[in-house]
Amino acid sequence: MFLNAQIRLKDILKDQGMSQQQLAVLTDLRPSTISDLCKPNISRIYLSTIAIICAALNITVSDLSVLEPSDPC
């Protein structure tokens, strides 16, 4: 079985009532970086970016990410 890692940033921002732009300002990350992380097909993310986002949103890495089964085809 293959697993697919997903970043739940879009859902977390919605739950916290925060926009992508607000998070970009809060974290001093580029708005395009935040936007990319809210897309379902992101394939890379720097650990430092994860740390910054988790600290700013007061969440853990396990809150931010989820592993889901994927089709091997």
N, C-alpha and C. Protein backbone atom coordinates (compact mmCIF):
# COMPACT_ATOMS: atom_id res chain seq x y z
N MET A 1 0.84 -1.18 0.00
CA MET A 1 0.00 0.00 0.00
C MET A 1 0.89 1.25 0.00
N PHE A 2 0.52 2.21 -0.81
CA PHE A 2 1.23 3.48 -0.91
C PHE A 2 0.50 4.51 -0.06
N LEU A 3 1.27 5.43 0.52
CA LEU A 3 0.68 6.52 1.30
C LEU A 3 0.98 7.84 0.63
N ASN A 4 0.05 8.74 0.74
CA ASN A 4 0.17 10.06 0.16
C ASN A 4 0.09 11.07 1.31
N ALA A 5 1.09 11.93 1.44
CA ALA A 5 1.09 12.95 2.49
C ALA A 5 0.32 14.18 1.99
N GLN A 6 -0.57 14.67 2.82
CA GLN A 6 -1.35 15.86 2.49
C GLN A 6 -1.11 16.92 3.56
N ILE A 7 -1.03 18.17 3.13
CA ILE A 7 -0.92 19.31 4.04
C ILE A 7 -2.31 19.89 4.22
N ARG A 8 -2.73 20.05 5.46
CA ARG A 8 -4.10 20.50 5.78
C ARG A 8 -4.18 22.00 6.03
N LEU A 9 -3.25 22.77 5.50
CA LEU A 9 -3.18 24.19 5.82
C LEU A 9 -4.45 24.94 5.48
N LYS A 10 -5.03 24.66 4.34
CA LYS A 10 -6.26 25.36 3.93
C LYS A 10 -7.37 25.14 4.96
N ASP A 11 -7.54 23.91 5.41
CA ASP A 11 -8.56 23.58 6.40
C ASP A 11 -8.28 24.26 7.74
N ILE A 12 -7.02 24.26 8.14
CA ILE A 12 -6.64 24.85 9.43
C ILE A 12 -6.88 26.36 9.41
N LEU A 13 -6.51 27.00 8.30
CA LEU A 13 -6.75 28.44 8.19
C LEU A 13 -8.25 28.74 8.28
N LYS A 14 -9.05 27.93 7.63
CA LYS A 14 -10.51 28.13 7.68
C LYS A 14 -11.02 27.96 9.10
N ASP A 15 -10.54 26.92 9.79
CA ASP A 15 -10.96 26.67 11.17
C ASP A 15 -10.57 27.82 12.10
N GLN A 16 -9.42 28.43 11.84
CA GLN A 16 -8.94 29.52 12.70
C GLN A 16 -9.42 30.89 12.24
N GLY A 17 -10.18 30.92 11.15
CA GLY A 17 -10.70 32.19 10.66
C GLY A 17 -9.61 33.13 10.16
N MET A 18 -8.59 32.55 9.55
CA MET A 18 -7.45 33.33 9.08
C MET A 18 -7.30 33.18 7.57
N SER A 19 -6.95 34.25 6.91
CA SER A 19 -6.73 34.19 5.46
C SER A 19 -5.28 33.80 5.18
N GLN A 20 -5.05 33.40 3.95
CA GLN A 20 -3.69 33.09 3.52
C GLN A 20 -2.80 34.33 3.63
N GLN A 21 -3.34 35.47 3.28
CA GLN A 21 -2.59 36.72 3.35
C GLN A 21 -2.21 37.05 4.80
N GLN A 22 -3.13 36.85 5.72
CA GLN A 22 -2.85 37.11 7.13
C GLN A 22 -1.72 36.21 7.62
N LEU A 23 -1.74 34.94 7.21
CA LEU A 23 -0.68 34.02 7.62
C LEU A 23 0.65 34.44 7.01
N ALA A 24 0.64 34.87 5.78
CA ALA A 24 1.87 35.33 5.13
C ALA A 24 2.48 36.50 5.90
N VAL A 25 1.66 37.45 6.31
CA VAL A 25 2.14 38.60 7.08
C VAL A 25 2.66 38.14 8.45
N LEU A 26 1.91 37.27 9.10
CA LEU A 26 2.27 36.78 10.43
C LEU A 26 3.59 36.02 10.43
N THR A 27 3.83 35.25 9.38
CA THR A 27 5.02 34.39 9.31
C THR A 27 6.17 35.00 8.53
N ASP A 28 5.92 36.08 7.82
CA ASP A 28 6.91 36.70 6.94
C ASP A 28 7.33 35.74 5.81
N LEU A 29 6.40 34.84 5.44
CA LEU A 29 6.61 33.97 4.29
C LEU A 29 5.94 34.62 3.08
N ARG A 30 6.44 34.30 1.89
CA ARG A 30 5.85 34.86 0.68
C ARG A 30 4.41 34.37 0.54
N PRO A 31 3.50 35.25 0.12
CA PRO A 31 2.11 34.82 -0.09
C PRO A 31 2.01 33.65 -1.07
N SER A 32 2.88 33.60 -2.05
CA SER A 32 2.84 32.48 -3.00
C SER A 32 3.22 31.17 -2.34
N THR A 33 4.08 31.22 -1.33
CA THR A 33 4.44 30.00 -0.59
C THR A 33 3.22 29.48 0.16
N ILE A 34 2.52 30.38 0.84
CA ILE A 34 1.31 29.98 1.57
C ILE A 34 0.26 29.44 0.60
N SER A 35 0.09 30.13 -0.52
CA SER A 35 -0.87 29.69 -1.53
C SER A 35 -0.54 28.30 -2.04
N ASP A 36 0.73 28.06 -2.34
CA ASP A 36 1.15 26.74 -2.82
C ASP A 36 0.85 25.65 -1.79
N LEU A 37 1.06 25.96 -0.51
CA LEU A 37 0.84 24.97 0.55
C LEU A 37 -0.65 24.68 0.76
N CYS A 38 -1.50 25.54 0.26
CA CYS A 38 -2.95 25.32 0.38
C CYS A 38 -3.50 24.51 -0.79
N LYS A 39 -2.66 24.21 -1.77
CA LYS A 39 -3.10 23.43 -2.92
C LYS A 39 -2.95 21.94 -2.62
N PRO A 40 -3.81 21.11 -3.17
CA PRO A 40 -3.76 19.67 -2.86
C PRO A 40 -2.59 18.93 -3.49
N ASN A 41 -1.93 19.51 -4.46
CA ASN A 41 -0.87 18.76 -5.17
C ASN A 41 0.54 19.22 -4.83
N ILE A 42 0.75 19.78 -3.66
CA ILE A 42 2.09 20.20 -3.25
C ILE A 42 2.97 18.97 -3.09
N SER A 43 4.20 19.04 -3.58
CA SER A 43 5.07 17.87 -3.50
C SER A 43 6.30 18.11 -2.63
N ARG A 44 6.61 19.36 -2.31
CA ARG A 44 7.77 19.66 -1.47
C ARG A 44 7.46 20.78 -0.51
N ILE A 45 8.07 20.66 0.66
CA ILE A 45 7.95 21.71 1.65
C ILE A 45 9.20 21.66 2.54
N TYR A 46 9.76 22.80 2.82
CA TYR A 46 10.94 22.86 3.68
C TYR A 46 10.53 22.66 5.14
N LEU A 47 11.37 21.95 5.89
CA LEU A 47 11.09 21.74 7.31
C LEU A 47 11.03 23.07 8.06
N SER A 48 11.85 24.02 7.65
CA SER A 48 11.83 25.33 8.31
C SER A 48 10.49 26.03 8.08
N THR A 49 9.90 25.84 6.91
CA THR A 49 8.59 26.42 6.62
C THR A 49 7.52 25.78 7.49
N ILE A 50 7.58 24.47 7.65
CA ILE A 50 6.65 23.77 8.53
C ILE A 50 6.76 24.31 9.95
N ALA A 51 7.98 24.46 10.42
CA ALA A 51 8.20 24.95 11.79
C ALA A 51 7.63 26.35 11.98
N ILE A 52 7.84 27.22 11.01
CA ILE A 52 7.33 28.60 11.09
C ILE A 52 5.81 28.60 11.13
N ILE A 53 5.19 27.83 10.26
CA ILE A 53 3.73 27.78 10.19
C ILE A 53 3.14 27.19 11.48
N CYS A 54 3.72 26.10 11.94
CA CYS A 54 3.22 25.47 13.17
C CYS A 54 3.32 26.42 14.36
N ALA A 55 4.43 27.13 14.47
CA ALA A 55 4.61 28.08 15.57
C ALA A 55 3.59 29.21 15.47
N ALA A 56 3.39 29.73 14.28
CA ALA A 56 2.47 30.86 14.09
C ALA A 56 1.03 30.47 14.38
N LEU A 57 0.65 29.25 14.03
CA LEU A 57 -0.73 28.81 14.21
C LEU A 57 -0.95 28.04 15.52
N ASN A 58 0.15 27.85 16.27
CA ASN A 58 0.10 27.11 17.53
C ASN A 58 -0.47 25.71 17.32
N ILE A 59 0.10 25.01 16.33
CA ILE A 59 -0.30 23.65 16.01
C ILE A 59 0.94 22.77 15.95
N THR A 60 0.73 21.46 15.86
CA THR A 60 1.84 20.52 15.72
C THR A 60 1.96 20.08 14.26
N VAL A 61 3.06 19.44 13.98
CA VAL A 61 3.26 18.90 12.63
C VAL A 61 2.17 17.88 12.31
N SER A 62 1.78 17.10 13.29
CA SER A 62 0.73 16.10 13.03
C SER A 62 -0.63 16.76 12.80
N ASP A 63 -0.84 17.97 13.32
CA ASP A 63 -2.07 18.71 13.00
C ASP A 63 -2.04 19.18 11.55
N LEU A 64 -0.87 19.54 11.07
CA LEU A 64 -0.70 20.12 9.74
C LEU A 64 -0.72 19.08 8.63
N SER A 65 -0.29 17.87 8.92
CA SER A 65 -0.17 16.87 7.86
C SER A 65 -0.97 15.63 8.17
N VAL A 66 -1.31 14.91 7.11
CA VAL A 66 -2.05 13.66 7.25
C VAL A 66 -1.56 12.70 6.16
N LEU A 67 -1.49 11.44 6.49
CA LEU A 67 -1.13 10.41 5.51
C LEU A 67 -2.40 9.69 5.09
N GLU A 68 -2.58 9.58 3.78
CA GLU A 68 -3.76 8.92 3.22
C GLU A 68 -3.32 7.85 2.24
N PRO A 69 -4.06 6.75 2.17
CA PRO A 69 -3.73 5.73 1.17
C PRO A 69 -3.92 6.29 -0.24
N SER A 70 -3.06 5.86 -1.13
CA SER A 70 -3.22 6.28 -2.53
C SER A 70 -3.14 5.06 -3.43
N ASP A 71 -3.71 5.20 -4.60
CA ASP A 71 -3.67 4.12 -5.58
C ASP A 71 -2.28 4.02 -6.17
N PRO A 72 -1.73 2.82 -6.33
CA PRO A 72 -0.40 2.67 -6.91
C PRO A 72 -0.39 2.90 -8.42
N CYS A 73 -1.54 3.01 -9.04
CA CYS A 73 -1.60 3.17 -10.50
C CYS A 73 -1.44 4.59 -10.91
